[in-house]
């Protein structure tokens, strides 16, 4: 798998598509290049990174459905690039291995909005990629 080119360097493409299947070996893991990169122990904090809230949960929308609806379905309001950068934001805060391998690349992304989907929504305003985000 080729790394995705971001503003200041190379990062692998991270995947999170096995959070529902307890039997899958990648259950609750962030995967890069087909291998487990980081195991998520606090799924609440993980999903909050993407804007998933208690209110959304109360509407009986699962975290996986929310991510599909907001980031990955055709015509989603946010882009897959936005999802990728939010995974980077989570790893930056929760993965010592990520900090060691990619910390300087990730730090350089702060304040750089993704040009393909810019939204005035509050979600975007609090994203670390937003130009007005506090660093």
N, C-alpha and C. Protein backbone atom coordinates (compact mmCIF):
# COMPACT_ATOMS: atom_id res chain seq x y z
N UNK A 1 0.84 -1.17 0.00
CA UNK A 1 0.00 0.00 0.00
C UNK A 1 0.89 1.24 0.00
N UNK A 2 0.63 2.17 -0.91
CA UNK A 2 1.42 3.39 -1.02
C UNK A 2 1.05 4.36 0.10
N UNK A 3 2.03 5.07 0.66
CA UNK A 3 1.68 6.10 1.63
C UNK A 3 0.92 7.23 0.95
N UNK A 4 0.04 7.87 1.69
CA UNK A 4 -0.69 9.01 1.15
C UNK A 4 0.18 10.25 1.30
N UNK A 5 0.28 11.05 0.26
CA UNK A 5 1.09 12.26 0.31
C UNK A 5 0.29 13.34 1.03
N UNK A 6 0.82 13.84 2.11
CA UNK A 6 0.21 14.94 2.83
C UNK A 6 1.11 16.16 2.70
N UNK A 7 0.73 17.23 3.31
CA UNK A 7 1.39 18.52 3.09
C UNK A 7 2.89 18.51 3.37
N UNK A 8 3.32 17.82 4.41
CA UNK A 8 4.73 17.94 4.78
C UNK A 8 5.49 16.62 4.78
N UNK A 9 4.94 15.57 4.25
CA UNK A 9 5.67 14.31 4.25
C UNK A 9 4.79 13.12 3.95
N UNK A 10 5.31 11.97 4.26
CA UNK A 10 4.62 10.72 3.95
C UNK A 10 4.07 10.07 5.22
N UNK A 11 2.85 9.60 5.14
CA UNK A 11 2.23 8.81 6.19
C UNK A 11 1.56 7.61 5.54
N UNK A 12 1.48 6.49 6.24
CA UNK A 12 0.71 5.37 5.68
C UNK A 12 -0.77 5.70 5.68
N UNK A 13 -1.53 4.96 4.91
CA UNK A 13 -2.98 5.09 4.95
C UNK A 13 -3.47 4.22 6.10
N UNK A 14 -4.14 4.85 7.06
CA UNK A 14 -4.64 4.13 8.23
C UNK A 14 -6.08 3.73 8.00
N UNK A 15 -6.45 2.53 8.47
CA UNK A 15 -7.82 2.02 8.33
C UNK A 15 -8.37 1.68 9.70
N UNK A 16 -9.69 1.84 9.83
CA UNK A 16 -10.37 1.54 11.10
C UNK A 16 -11.63 0.72 10.87
N UNK A 17 -11.69 -0.06 9.82
CA UNK A 17 -12.93 -0.69 9.41
C UNK A 17 -13.26 -2.01 10.08
N UNK A 18 -12.65 -2.34 11.21
CA UNK A 18 -12.96 -3.61 11.89
C UNK A 18 -13.29 -3.41 13.36
N UNK A 19 -14.07 -2.37 13.66
CA UNK A 19 -14.42 -2.10 15.05
C UNK A 19 -15.66 -2.85 15.50
N UNK A 20 -16.43 -3.40 14.59
CA UNK A 20 -17.66 -4.09 14.95
C UNK A 20 -17.50 -5.60 15.10
N UNK A 21 -16.57 -6.17 14.42
CA UNK A 21 -16.43 -7.62 14.38
C UNK A 21 -15.47 -8.11 15.46
N UNK A 22 -16.02 -8.61 16.55
CA UNK A 22 -15.21 -9.10 17.68
C UNK A 22 -14.28 -10.23 17.29
N UNK A 23 -14.61 -10.97 16.26
CA UNK A 23 -13.81 -12.13 15.87
C UNK A 23 -12.65 -11.79 14.94
N UNK A 24 -12.68 -10.60 14.40
CA UNK A 24 -11.63 -10.20 13.44
C UNK A 24 -10.34 -9.87 14.20
N UNK A 25 -9.20 -10.26 13.64
CA UNK A 25 -7.94 -10.02 14.34
C UNK A 25 -7.60 -8.54 14.45
N UNK A 26 -8.23 -7.70 13.63
CA UNK A 26 -8.00 -6.26 13.69
C UNK A 26 -9.04 -5.54 14.54
N UNK A 27 -9.82 -6.29 15.34
CA UNK A 27 -10.87 -5.69 16.15
C UNK A 27 -10.29 -4.58 17.03
N UNK A 28 -10.91 -3.43 16.97
CA UNK A 28 -10.52 -2.23 17.73
C UNK A 28 -9.06 -1.84 17.50
N UNK A 29 -8.65 -1.92 16.26
CA UNK A 29 -7.27 -1.55 15.91
C UNK A 29 -7.27 -0.56 14.76
N UNK A 30 -6.25 0.27 14.77
CA UNK A 30 -5.94 1.09 13.61
C UNK A 30 -4.91 0.28 12.83
N UNK A 31 -5.17 0.08 11.56
CA UNK A 31 -4.35 -0.78 10.71
C UNK A 31 -3.62 0.07 9.68
N UNK A 32 -2.37 -0.26 9.43
CA UNK A 32 -1.58 0.39 8.38
C UNK A 32 -0.87 -0.69 7.58
N UNK A 33 -0.99 -0.64 6.29
CA UNK A 33 -0.35 -1.61 5.40
C UNK A 33 -0.72 -3.05 5.76
N UNK A 34 -1.95 -3.26 6.21
CA UNK A 34 -2.44 -4.59 6.53
C UNK A 34 -2.04 -5.12 7.90
N UNK A 35 -1.26 -4.34 8.65
CA UNK A 35 -0.79 -4.76 9.97
C UNK A 35 -1.37 -3.87 11.06
N UNK A 36 -1.55 -4.43 12.23
CA UNK A 36 -2.03 -3.64 13.36
C UNK A 36 -0.97 -2.60 13.70
N UNK A 37 -1.38 -1.34 13.69
CA UNK A 37 -0.49 -0.25 14.05
C UNK A 37 -0.73 0.20 15.49
N UNK A 38 -2.01 0.24 15.89
CA UNK A 38 -2.36 0.71 17.23
C UNK A 38 -3.65 0.04 17.67
N UNK A 39 -3.67 -0.47 18.89
CA UNK A 39 -4.89 -1.05 19.45
C UNK A 39 -5.59 0.02 20.28
N UNK A 40 -6.88 0.21 20.03
CA UNK A 40 -7.67 1.23 20.72
C UNK A 40 -8.32 0.60 21.94
N UNK A 41 -8.02 1.16 23.10
CA UNK A 41 -8.61 0.65 24.34
C UNK A 41 -9.77 1.52 24.81
N UNK A 42 -9.73 2.81 24.52
CA UNK A 42 -10.80 3.72 24.91
C UNK A 42 -11.58 4.11 23.65
N UNK A 43 -12.57 3.29 23.30
CA UNK A 43 -13.30 3.53 22.06
C UNK A 43 -14.13 4.81 22.12
N UNK A 44 -14.56 5.20 23.30
CA UNK A 44 -15.32 6.45 23.44
C UNK A 44 -14.46 7.63 22.99
N UNK A 45 -13.25 7.74 23.50
CA UNK A 45 -12.35 8.82 23.10
C UNK A 45 -12.01 8.72 21.62
N UNK A 46 -11.85 7.49 21.14
CA UNK A 46 -11.53 7.29 19.72
C UNK A 46 -12.64 7.85 18.84
N UNK A 47 -13.88 7.45 19.09
CA UNK A 47 -14.98 7.91 18.24
C UNK A 47 -15.28 9.39 18.43
N UNK A 48 -15.03 9.93 19.60
CA UNK A 48 -15.21 11.37 19.80
C UNK A 48 -14.30 12.18 18.89
N UNK A 49 -13.15 11.62 18.54
CA UNK A 49 -12.23 12.29 17.62
C UNK A 49 -12.91 12.61 16.30
N UNK A 50 -13.87 11.79 15.90
CA UNK A 50 -14.56 11.95 14.62
C UNK A 50 -15.87 12.71 14.73
N UNK A 51 -16.20 13.17 15.94
CA UNK A 51 -17.43 13.93 16.15
C UNK A 51 -18.60 13.11 16.64
N UNK A 52 -18.37 11.85 16.99
CA UNK A 52 -19.44 10.98 17.48
C UNK A 52 -19.72 11.36 18.94
N UNK A 53 -20.98 11.65 19.24
CA UNK A 53 -21.35 12.14 20.58
C UNK A 53 -22.41 11.24 21.23
N UNK A 54 -22.67 11.53 22.48
CA UNK A 54 -23.74 10.83 23.20
C UNK A 54 -25.10 11.05 22.54
N UNK A 55 -25.30 12.26 22.03
CA UNK A 55 -26.56 12.59 21.36
C UNK A 55 -26.74 11.73 20.11
N UNK A 56 -25.68 11.54 19.37
CA UNK A 56 -25.76 10.69 18.17
C UNK A 56 -26.03 9.25 18.58
N UNK A 57 -25.37 8.80 19.63
CA UNK A 57 -25.60 7.45 20.15
C UNK A 57 -27.05 7.27 20.59
N UNK A 58 -27.63 8.30 21.21
CA UNK A 58 -29.01 8.24 21.68
C UNK A 58 -29.99 8.09 20.52
N UNK A 59 -29.58 8.50 19.32
CA UNK A 59 -30.42 8.32 18.13
C UNK A 59 -30.28 6.92 17.55
N UNK A 60 -29.57 6.06 18.27
CA UNK A 60 -29.35 4.67 17.88
C UNK A 60 -28.55 4.54 16.58
N UNK A 61 -27.62 5.43 16.40
CA UNK A 61 -26.69 5.36 15.28
C UNK A 61 -25.38 4.82 15.84
N UNK A 62 -24.92 3.71 15.32
CA UNK A 62 -23.68 3.12 15.83
C UNK A 62 -22.49 3.97 15.37
N UNK A 63 -21.36 3.89 16.08
CA UNK A 63 -20.17 4.63 15.63
C UNK A 63 -19.75 4.29 14.21
N UNK A 64 -19.82 3.02 13.85
CA UNK A 64 -19.44 2.61 12.49
C UNK A 64 -20.38 3.20 11.44
N UNK A 65 -21.69 3.21 11.74
CA UNK A 65 -22.66 3.81 10.82
C UNK A 65 -22.39 5.30 10.68
N UNK A 66 -22.07 5.94 11.80
CA UNK A 66 -21.78 7.38 11.79
C UNK A 66 -20.58 7.68 10.89
N UNK A 67 -19.50 6.93 11.05
CA UNK A 67 -18.30 7.17 10.24
C UNK A 67 -18.61 6.92 8.76
N UNK A 68 -19.36 5.88 8.46
CA UNK A 68 -19.74 5.62 7.07
C UNK A 68 -20.55 6.79 6.53
N UNK A 69 -21.55 7.23 7.28
CA UNK A 69 -22.44 8.29 6.83
C UNK A 69 -21.72 9.62 6.66
N UNK A 70 -20.83 9.96 7.56
CA UNK A 70 -20.18 11.27 7.56
C UNK A 70 -18.94 11.32 6.66
N UNK A 71 -18.21 10.20 6.57
CA UNK A 71 -16.91 10.24 5.90
C UNK A 71 -16.76 9.36 4.65
N UNK A 72 -17.39 8.21 4.60
CA UNK A 72 -16.99 7.25 3.56
C UNK A 72 -18.03 6.92 2.50
N UNK A 73 -19.30 7.16 2.74
CA UNK A 73 -20.29 6.85 1.71
C UNK A 73 -20.15 7.82 0.54
N UNK A 74 -20.65 7.43 -0.60
CA UNK A 74 -20.64 8.34 -1.75
C UNK A 74 -21.47 9.57 -1.40
N UNK A 75 -20.93 10.75 -1.61
CA UNK A 75 -21.64 11.99 -1.31
C UNK A 75 -21.60 12.39 0.15
N UNK A 76 -20.74 11.76 0.95
CA UNK A 76 -20.65 12.09 2.38
C UNK A 76 -20.27 13.56 2.57
N UNK A 77 -20.74 14.20 3.66
CA UNK A 77 -20.43 15.61 3.87
C UNK A 77 -18.95 15.90 4.17
N UNK A 78 -18.22 14.92 4.65
CA UNK A 78 -16.78 15.08 4.90
C UNK A 78 -16.05 14.07 4.00
N UNK A 79 -14.78 14.31 3.78
CA UNK A 79 -14.02 13.46 2.87
C UNK A 79 -13.28 12.34 3.59
N UNK A 80 -12.85 11.36 2.82
CA UNK A 80 -11.99 10.30 3.36
C UNK A 80 -10.66 10.89 3.81
N UNK A 81 -10.22 11.95 3.15
CA UNK A 81 -8.99 12.62 3.57
C UNK A 81 -9.17 13.21 4.96
N UNK A 82 -10.32 13.79 5.21
CA UNK A 82 -10.63 14.33 6.54
C UNK A 82 -10.59 13.20 7.57
N UNK A 83 -11.19 12.06 7.25
CA UNK A 83 -11.16 10.90 8.14
C UNK A 83 -9.72 10.49 8.42
N UNK A 84 -8.91 10.42 7.37
CA UNK A 84 -7.51 10.02 7.52
C UNK A 84 -6.77 10.97 8.46
N UNK A 85 -7.01 12.24 8.29
CA UNK A 85 -6.32 13.23 9.12
C UNK A 85 -6.82 13.21 10.56
N UNK A 86 -8.08 12.86 10.77
CA UNK A 86 -8.57 12.72 12.14
C UNK A 86 -7.98 11.47 12.81
N UNK A 87 -7.77 10.42 12.05
CA UNK A 87 -7.08 9.24 12.59
C UNK A 87 -5.67 9.65 13.01
N UNK A 88 -5.01 10.44 12.18
CA UNK A 88 -3.67 10.94 12.50
C UNK A 88 -3.73 11.76 13.80
N UNK A 89 -4.74 12.59 13.92
CA UNK A 89 -4.90 13.40 15.13
C UNK A 89 -5.03 12.50 16.36
N UNK A 90 -5.85 11.46 16.26
CA UNK A 90 -6.02 10.52 17.37
C UNK A 90 -4.69 9.83 17.70
N UNK A 91 -4.02 9.32 16.69
CA UNK A 91 -2.75 8.62 16.91
C UNK A 91 -1.70 9.55 17.50
N UNK A 92 -1.70 10.77 17.06
CA UNK A 92 -0.77 11.77 17.58
C UNK A 92 -0.92 11.92 19.10
N UNK A 93 -2.13 11.78 19.59
CA UNK A 93 -2.40 11.94 21.02
C UNK A 93 -2.31 10.64 21.81
N UNK A 94 -2.45 9.49 21.15
CA UNK A 94 -2.59 8.23 21.89
C UNK A 94 -1.59 7.14 21.55
N UNK A 95 -0.71 7.36 20.60
CA UNK A 95 0.20 6.29 20.18
C UNK A 95 1.66 6.75 20.27
N UNK A 96 2.40 6.22 21.24
CA UNK A 96 3.84 6.55 21.31
C UNK A 96 4.59 6.13 20.04
N UNK A 97 4.21 5.01 19.46
CA UNK A 97 4.86 4.55 18.23
C UNK A 97 4.62 5.55 17.09
N UNK A 98 3.38 6.05 16.99
CA UNK A 98 3.09 7.03 15.96
C UNK A 98 3.94 8.29 16.17
N UNK A 99 3.99 8.76 17.41
CA UNK A 99 4.79 9.96 17.71
C UNK A 99 6.23 9.78 17.30
N UNK A 100 6.77 8.61 17.59
CA UNK A 100 8.17 8.34 17.27
C UNK A 100 8.40 8.30 15.76
N UNK A 101 7.51 7.60 15.04
CA UNK A 101 7.71 7.42 13.60
C UNK A 101 7.26 8.60 12.74
N UNK A 102 6.15 9.23 13.15
CA UNK A 102 5.52 10.22 12.28
C UNK A 102 5.20 11.54 12.97
N UNK A 103 5.66 11.72 14.19
CA UNK A 103 5.30 12.91 14.97
C UNK A 103 5.58 14.22 14.28
N UNK A 104 6.75 14.35 13.69
CA UNK A 104 7.10 15.63 13.06
C UNK A 104 6.24 15.88 11.82
N UNK A 105 5.90 14.84 11.08
CA UNK A 105 5.01 14.98 9.92
C UNK A 105 3.64 15.43 10.39
N UNK A 106 3.11 14.77 11.42
CA UNK A 106 1.78 15.09 11.92
C UNK A 106 1.73 16.50 12.50
N UNK A 107 2.77 16.90 13.20
CA UNK A 107 2.80 18.24 13.77
C UNK A 107 2.72 19.30 12.68
N UNK A 108 3.30 19.02 11.55
CA UNK A 108 3.28 19.95 10.44
C UNK A 108 1.92 20.08 9.78
N UNK A 109 0.99 19.17 10.06
CA UNK A 109 -0.35 19.22 9.47
C UNK A 109 -1.29 20.14 10.22
N UNK A 110 -0.98 20.45 11.49
CA UNK A 110 -1.87 21.27 12.30
C UNK A 110 -2.13 22.60 11.61
N UNK A 111 -3.40 22.97 11.53
CA UNK A 111 -3.79 24.24 10.93
C UNK A 111 -3.94 24.24 9.43
N UNK A 112 -3.78 23.10 8.79
CA UNK A 112 -3.91 23.02 7.33
C UNK A 112 -5.21 22.32 6.96
N UNK A 113 -6.20 23.06 6.54
CA UNK A 113 -7.47 22.46 6.14
C UNK A 113 -7.30 21.60 4.90
N UNK A 114 -8.10 20.58 4.82
CA UNK A 114 -8.16 19.74 3.63
C UNK A 114 -8.90 20.52 2.55
N UNK A 115 -8.30 20.75 1.40
CA UNK A 115 -8.93 21.61 0.41
C UNK A 115 -10.16 21.02 -0.29
N UNK A 116 -10.36 19.70 -0.21
CA UNK A 116 -11.48 19.14 -0.97
C UNK A 116 -12.83 19.25 -0.28
N UNK A 117 -12.87 19.45 1.03
CA UNK A 117 -14.14 19.59 1.74
C UNK A 117 -13.94 20.55 2.90
N UNK A 118 -14.25 21.80 2.72
CA UNK A 118 -14.19 22.76 3.83
C UNK A 118 -15.61 23.12 4.18
N UNK A 119 -15.94 22.99 5.44
CA UNK A 119 -17.29 23.22 5.90
C UNK A 119 -17.28 24.23 7.03
N UNK A 120 -18.29 25.08 7.09
CA UNK A 120 -18.37 26.02 8.21
C UNK A 120 -18.92 25.36 9.49
N UNK A 121 -19.21 24.08 9.42
CA UNK A 121 -19.80 23.38 10.56
C UNK A 121 -18.88 23.45 11.77
N UNK A 122 -19.48 23.40 12.93
CA UNK A 122 -18.72 23.44 14.18
C UNK A 122 -17.70 22.31 14.23
N UNK A 123 -18.03 21.16 13.65
CA UNK A 123 -17.10 20.02 13.62
C UNK A 123 -15.77 20.43 13.01
N UNK A 124 -15.82 21.13 11.90
CA UNK A 124 -14.58 21.54 11.23
C UNK A 124 -13.86 22.62 12.03
N UNK A 125 -14.59 23.49 12.67
CA UNK A 125 -13.98 24.59 13.42
C UNK A 125 -13.13 24.10 14.58
N UNK A 126 -13.45 22.93 15.14
CA UNK A 126 -12.66 22.42 16.26
C UNK A 126 -11.63 21.38 15.84
N UNK A 127 -11.57 21.08 14.56
CA UNK A 127 -10.59 20.11 14.05
C UNK A 127 -9.19 20.71 14.14
N UNK A 128 -8.20 19.89 14.44
CA UNK A 128 -6.82 20.38 14.53
C UNK A 128 -6.30 20.86 13.18
N UNK A 129 -6.97 20.48 12.10
CA UNK A 129 -6.55 20.89 10.77
C UNK A 129 -7.04 22.29 10.41
N UNK A 130 -8.03 22.80 11.13
CA UNK A 130 -8.60 24.11 10.82
C UNK A 130 -7.57 25.20 11.03
N UNK A 131 -7.49 26.18 10.14
CA UNK A 131 -6.48 27.23 10.28
C UNK A 131 -6.56 28.00 11.60
N UNK A 132 -7.73 28.05 12.21
CA UNK A 132 -7.88 28.79 13.47
C UNK A 132 -7.71 27.90 14.71
N UNK A 133 -7.35 26.65 14.51
CA UNK A 133 -7.21 25.72 15.64
C UNK A 133 -6.05 26.14 16.51
N UNK A 134 -6.25 26.00 17.82
CA UNK A 134 -5.11 26.29 18.72
C UNK A 134 -4.17 25.12 18.68
N UNK A 135 -2.90 25.40 18.67
CA UNK A 135 -1.90 24.35 18.57
C UNK A 135 -1.25 24.07 19.88
